Protein backbone atom coordinates (compact mmCIF):
# COMPACT_ATOMS: atom_id res chain seq x y z
CA MET A 1 29.00 29.43 14.78
CA ASN A 2 28.35 25.50 13.28
CA ILE A 3 24.97 23.88 12.39
CA GLU A 4 24.61 20.69 12.77
CA PHE A 5 22.20 17.91 10.25
CA ASN A 6 22.85 14.97 8.75
CA CYS A 7 22.72 14.12 4.80
CA PRO A 8 19.74 12.99 3.65
CA HIS A 9 21.30 11.31 1.22
CA CYS A 10 23.52 8.85 3.25
CA ASP A 11 22.68 10.03 6.58
CA ARG A 12 25.98 11.23 8.04
CA SER A 13 26.45 13.57 10.26
CA LEU A 14 27.70 16.69 9.02
CA ALA A 15 28.58 20.30 10.68
CA ILE A 16 29.21 23.56 8.35
CA ASP A 17 29.90 27.30 9.31
CA GLU A 18 26.30 29.07 9.31
CA LYS A 19 27.04 31.48 6.70
CA TRP A 20 26.86 28.48 4.10
CA ARG A 21 23.28 27.40 5.60
CA ASP A 22 21.27 28.67 2.37
CA MET A 23 24.13 27.70 0.07
CA GLU A 24 23.69 24.32 -2.11
CA VAL A 25 26.75 22.17 -0.44
CA GLN A 26 28.07 18.73 -1.19
CA CYS A 27 27.90 15.97 1.06
CA PRO A 28 31.95 15.07 1.57
CA ASP A 29 31.19 10.83 1.69
CA CYS A 30 28.38 10.60 -0.64
CA SER A 31 28.90 13.95 -2.73
CA GLY A 32 25.27 14.34 -2.38
CA SER A 33 24.03 18.13 -3.46
CA LEU A 34 21.73 19.51 -0.33
CA VAL A 35 20.83 22.90 1.06
CA PRO A 36 21.31 22.48 4.74
CA THR A 37 18.05 25.05 5.86
CA ARG A 38 16.28 22.47 3.54
CA VAL A 39 17.37 19.38 5.35
CA ILE A 40 17.04 20.93 8.64
CA ALA A 41 13.37 22.45 8.07
CA LYS A 42 12.57 18.96 6.22
CA LYS A 43 13.53 17.15 9.28
CA LYS A 44 11.19 19.70 11.90
CA ASP A 45 8.07 19.02 9.52
CA VAL A 46 8.40 15.14 9.93
CA GLU A 47 8.96 15.51 13.73
CA GLN A 48 6.23 17.72 14.12
CA ALA A 49 4.14 15.03 11.99
CA ARG A 50 5.14 12.69 14.04
CA GLU A 51 4.08 14.28 17.00
CA LYS A 52 0.89 14.87 15.81
CA TYR A 53 0.30 11.71 14.55
CA GLN A 54 1.43 9.28 17.55
CA GLU A 55 -0.48 6.08 18.23
CA THR A 56 -2.76 7.99 20.77
CA PRO A 57 -6.26 6.12 21.49
CA GLN A 58 -8.05 8.91 19.86
CA ASN A 59 -5.72 8.71 16.73
CA ILE A 60 -6.13 4.87 16.66
CA GLN A 61 -10.20 5.45 17.22
CA ARG A 62 -10.48 8.21 14.86
CA GLU A 63 -8.45 5.76 12.11
CA GLU A 64 -10.75 2.78 12.55
CA GLU A 65 -13.89 4.84 12.20
CA GLU A 66 -12.38 6.09 8.71
CA ARG A 67 -11.42 2.98 7.66
CA ALA A 68 -14.99 1.43 8.37
CA GLU A 69 -16.59 4.57 6.52
CA ARG A 70 -14.35 3.78 3.39
CA LYS A 71 -15.61 0.38 3.59
CA GLU A 72 -19.43 1.06 4.08
CA VAL A 73 -18.64 3.41 0.84
CA LEU A 74 -17.29 0.63 -0.98
CA ARG A 75 -19.63 -1.69 -0.26
CA LEU A 76 -22.93 0.72 -1.20
CA ARG A 77 -20.84 1.37 -4.62
CA LYS A 78 -20.62 -2.46 -5.14
CA LEU A 79 -24.38 -2.43 -4.55
CA GLN A 80 -24.99 0.41 -6.73
CA ILE A 81 -23.29 -1.24 -9.77
CA LEU A 82 -24.85 -4.46 -9.37
CA GLU A 83 -28.33 -2.56 -9.30
CA ASP A 84 -27.25 -1.00 -12.54
CA ASN A 85 -26.59 -4.05 -14.13
CA GLY A 86 -29.70 -5.42 -12.98
CA LEU A 87 -28.48 -7.76 -10.68
CA VAL A 88 -29.79 -6.90 -7.76
CA LYS A 89 -32.70 -4.79 -6.49
CA ILE A 90 -32.45 -2.46 -3.78
CA SER A 91 -35.53 -1.20 -1.84
């Protein structure tokens, strides 16, 4: 039985016998070294991450809230630096 995957170096579509799945092999096009099971696992990880972080309204709102929070933290740090140097007094 063959397993199919793409070369991570040149993106060529490859198919090899399953007995070679855990062995380091070379792409016939670019000669890049790869282990098919690692390539397949990495692709699955990327696909799962894409599904998890789709641009849903909830994810967009969460990202906007996190961005606003980071901006506020930076603003407060700047104020603290100004106060520490005697350039502004925070009441």
